[in-house]
Amino acid sequence: AVGIDKMKKGFVKSSVMTVTNIPMMNPEIVTGVSMMLLFVFIGSILGAKGVLGFWTLFIAHVTFSLPYVILNVMPKLRLSQAAQDLGCPPVKAFMKVVLPSILPGVVAGLIMAFTLSFDDFIISYFVSGPKFQTLPIRIFSMTKKRVTPDMYALSTIMFIVILILLVLVRSEERRVGKECRSR
């Protein structure tokens, strides 16, 4: 996001933004199949067998999560120019002004990327290979036979963890809101 923001306005910047947003607009099945074909093709060129695994899954998840992180961080990058206009050197402006201001965007992007990766089944199914399973793939393979008590326990744990996180986030929002109103 910082690199894209530093680009001059024009064809290159708009092209990079367009290419970056492609994974958001593509259906997951198209992304999953095309990435699988790409990884298998590159693996066949390099002569590697069993190319699909953790690293292909990692690359795929970074690829489809990147636009969401960029969209959360880009709007926060406008303060750097203002700090430099006031005489702050570029590195100091980044460390003292930009980094603290983009931190909420980075955290929001992190949460979005984690949620999307945690939830993703389709892309993971195509790029993970036989030796590596994500939680959604594991749950899917468990449901092929019948629903077991393990699945109920897992669902309950996931529900409770998400509920606790939502309560914590909401209480932090209220605390910050009260501090802002009292000033």
Protein backbone atom coordinates (compact mmCIF):
# COMPACT_ATOMS: atom_id res chain seq x y z
CA ALA A 1 0.00 0.00 0.00
CA VAL A 2 2.88 2.36 0.80
CA GLY A 3 4.54 1.60 -2.54
CA ILE A 4 1.32 2.09 -4.48
CA ASP A 5 0.68 5.36 -2.63
CA LYS A 6 4.15 6.65 -3.56
CA MET A 7 3.59 6.01 -7.27
CA LYS A 8 2.81 8.99 -9.42
CA LYS A 9 -0.75 9.16 -10.63
CA GLY A 10 -1.15 7.67 -14.04
CA PHE A 11 -1.26 4.49 -16.03
CA VAL A 12 1.15 2.45 -13.89
CA LYS A 13 -0.60 3.22 -10.59
CA SER A 14 -4.06 2.49 -12.00
CA SER A 15 -2.76 -0.71 -13.61
CA VAL A 16 -1.22 -1.92 -10.34
CA MET A 17 -4.45 -1.16 -8.46
CA THR A 18 -6.48 -2.99 -11.10
CA VAL A 19 -4.24 -6.07 -10.98
CA THR A 20 -4.26 -5.98 -7.17
CA ASN A 21 -8.07 -5.94 -7.09
CA ILE A 22 -8.50 -8.89 -9.48
CA PRO A 23 -8.59 -11.54 -6.70
CA MET A 24 -11.45 -9.63 -5.06
CA MET A 25 -13.54 -9.63 -8.21
CA ASN A 26 -12.81 -13.20 -9.34
CA PRO A 27 -14.99 -16.03 -8.11
CA GLU A 28 -13.07 -18.23 -5.69
CA ILE A 29 -13.41 -21.29 -7.91
CA VAL A 30 -11.69 -19.47 -10.79
CA THR A 31 -8.90 -18.27 -8.50
CA GLY A 32 -8.43 -21.70 -6.95
CA VAL A 33 -8.33 -23.64 -10.21
CA SER A 34 -6.11 -21.10 -11.99
CA MET A 35 -3.63 -20.97 -9.12
CA MET A 36 -3.54 -24.77 -8.94
CA LEU A 37 -2.82 -24.94 -12.68
CA LEU A 38 -0.14 -22.27 -12.33
CA PHE A 39 1.58 -24.07 -9.44
CA VAL A 40 1.45 -27.44 -11.21
CA PHE A 41 2.78 -25.87 -14.43
CA ILE A 42 5.68 -24.18 -12.61
CA GLY A 43 6.33 -27.41 -10.71
CA SER A 44 6.49 -29.39 -13.97
CA ILE A 45 8.92 -26.87 -15.47
CA LEU A 46 11.15 -27.14 -12.39
CA GLY A 47 10.78 -30.93 -12.31
CA ALA A 48 9.26 -30.96 -8.82
CA LYS A 49 6.84 -33.67 -7.78
CA GLY A 50 4.11 -33.05 -5.22
CA VAL A 51 4.42 -29.30 -5.61
CA LEU A 52 1.11 -28.53 -3.88
CA GLY A 53 1.46 -28.05 -0.13
CA PHE A 54 1.92 -25.45 2.55
CA TRP A 55 3.82 -22.90 0.46
CA THR A 56 1.37 -22.96 -2.44
CA LEU A 57 -1.44 -22.53 0.09
CA PHE A 58 0.45 -19.64 1.70
CA ILE A 59 1.01 -17.90 -1.66
CA ALA A 60 -2.65 -18.35 -2.61
CA HIS A 61 -3.92 -16.94 0.69
CA VAL A 62 -1.59 -13.94 0.47
CA THR A 63 -2.74 -13.35 -3.10
CA PHE A 64 -6.45 -13.26 -2.34
CA SER A 65 -6.07 -11.40 1.00
CA LEU A 66 -3.77 -8.66 -0.30
CA PRO A 67 -6.48 -6.41 -1.83
CA TYR A 68 -8.35 -6.25 1.48
CA VAL A 69 -5.22 -5.22 3.37
CA ILE A 70 -4.36 -2.59 0.75
CA LEU A 71 -7.89 -1.16 0.86
CA ASN A 72 -7.66 -0.87 4.67
CA VAL A 73 -4.24 0.82 4.66
CA MET A 74 -4.35 3.14 1.59
CA PRO A 75 -6.72 5.77 3.01
CA LYS A 76 -4.49 6.20 6.08
CA LEU A 77 -1.41 7.16 4.05
CA ARG A 78 -2.38 10.75 3.30
CA LEU A 79 -0.70 12.18 6.44
CA SER A 80 2.87 11.59 5.23
CA GLN A 81 2.73 14.38 2.68
CA ALA A 82 1.35 16.79 5.29
CA ALA A 83 4.18 15.96 7.72
CA GLN A 84 6.80 16.43 5.01
CA ASP A 85 5.25 19.76 4.03
CA LEU A 86 5.78 20.86 7.64
CA GLY A 87 9.51 20.04 7.43
CA CYS A 88 9.73 16.46 8.70
CA PRO A 89 12.27 14.23 6.88
CA PRO A 90 10.65 11.31 4.97
CA VAL A 91 11.88 8.51 7.26
CA LYS A 92 10.92 10.40 10.43
CA ALA A 93 7.56 11.31 8.88
CA PHE A 94 6.92 7.63 8.19
CA MET A 95 7.96 6.45 11.69
CA LYS A 96 6.30 9.23 13.70
CA VAL A 97 3.23 10.08 11.62
CA VAL A 98 2.43 7.44 9.01
CA LEU A 99 3.11 4.24 10.95
CA PRO A 100 0.99 5.21 13.98
CA SER A 101 -1.80 6.42 11.69
CA ILE A 102 -1.85 3.31 9.48
CA LEU A 103 -1.60 0.89 12.40
CA PRO A 104 -5.42 0.62 12.78
CA GLY A 105 -5.66 -0.05 9.03
CA VAL A 106 -2.94 -2.68 9.26
CA VAL A 107 -4.70 -4.35 12.19
CA ALA A 108 -8.04 -4.22 10.34
CA GLY A 109 -6.35 -5.70 7.26
CA LEU A 110 -4.77 -8.40 9.40
CA ILE A 111 -8.13 -9.32 10.89
CA MET A 112 -9.76 -9.33 7.46
CA ALA A 113 -6.98 -11.46 5.96
CA PHE A 114 -7.10 -13.90 8.88
CA THR A 115 -10.88 -14.18 8.69
CA LEU A 116 -10.84 -14.72 4.94
CA SER A 117 -8.06 -17.30 5.18
CA PHE A 118 -9.67 -19.09 8.10
CA ASP A 119 -13.00 -19.26 6.28
CA ASP A 120 -11.70 -20.16 2.83
CA PHE A 121 -12.45 -23.65 1.56
CA ILE A 122 -12.52 -23.47 -2.22
CA ILE A 123 -9.09 -21.99 -2.92
CA SER A 124 -7.51 -24.04 -0.13
CA TYR A 125 -9.04 -27.21 -1.53
CA PHE A 126 -7.36 -26.72 -4.90
CA VAL A 127 -3.90 -25.49 -3.83
CA SER A 128 -3.18 -27.37 -0.58
CA GLY A 129 -2.27 -30.82 -1.90
CA PRO A 130 -2.80 -34.19 -0.21
CA LYS A 131 -0.29 -33.76 2.64
CA PHE A 132 -1.62 -30.50 4.10
CA GLN A 133 -5.13 -29.69 5.37
CA THR A 134 -6.66 -26.48 6.61
CA LEU A 135 -9.48 -26.52 9.15
CA PRO A 136 -12.28 -26.10 6.55
CA ILE A 137 -10.85 -28.95 4.48
CA ARG A 138 -10.58 -31.12 7.59
CA ILE A 139 -14.18 -30.36 8.56
CA PHE A 140 -15.33 -31.15 5.01
CA SER A 141 -13.51 -34.48 5.08
CA MET A 142 -15.08 -35.27 8.48
CA THR A 143 -18.59 -34.65 7.13
CA LYS A 144 -18.24 -37.15 4.29
CA LYS A 145 -19.02 -40.05 6.62
CA ARG A 146 -21.27 -38.66 9.34
CA VAL A 147 -21.38 -35.85 11.87
CA THR A 148 -19.40 -36.80 14.97
CA PRO A 149 -19.22 -35.29 18.47
CA ASP A 150 -15.76 -33.94 17.53
CA MET A 151 -17.41 -31.64 15.02
CA TYR A 152 -19.90 -30.38 17.60
CA ALA A 153 -17.05 -29.67 20.03
CA LEU A 154 -15.04 -27.87 17.36
CA SER A 155 -18.03 -25.75 16.35
CA THR A 156 -18.70 -24.84 19.98
CA ILE A 157 -15.08 -23.84 20.57
CA MET A 158 -15.04 -21.70 17.43
CA PHE A 159 -18.33 -20.05 18.39
CA ILE A 160 -17.12 -19.25 21.93
CA VAL A 161 -13.77 -17.85 20.75
CA ILE A 162 -15.47 -15.62 18.18
CA LEU A 163 -18.05 -14.46 20.74
CA ILE A 164 -15.31 -13.57 23.25
CA LEU A 165 -13.38 -11.66 20.58
CA LEU A 166 -16.49 -9.73 19.56
CA VAL A 167 -17.24 -8.81 23.19
CA LEU A 168 -13.63 -7.67 23.72
CA VAL A 169 -13.65 -5.54 20.56
CA ARG A 170 -17.00 -4.01 21.47
CA SER A 171 -15.88 -3.18 25.02
CA GLU A 172 -12.69 -1.58 23.66
CA GLU A 173 -14.75 0.50 21.21
CA ARG A 174 -16.96 1.71 24.06
CA ARG A 175 -13.92 2.57 26.20
CA VAL A 176 -12.29 4.55 23.39
CA GLY A 177 -15.62 6.26 22.63
CA LYS A 178 -16.01 7.35 26.24
CA GLU A 179 -12.46 8.72 26.30
CA CYS A 180 -13.09 10.70 23.12
CA ARG A 181 -16.35 12.16 24.43
CA SER A 182 -14.78 13.18 27.75
CA ARG A 183 -12.10 15.30 26.01
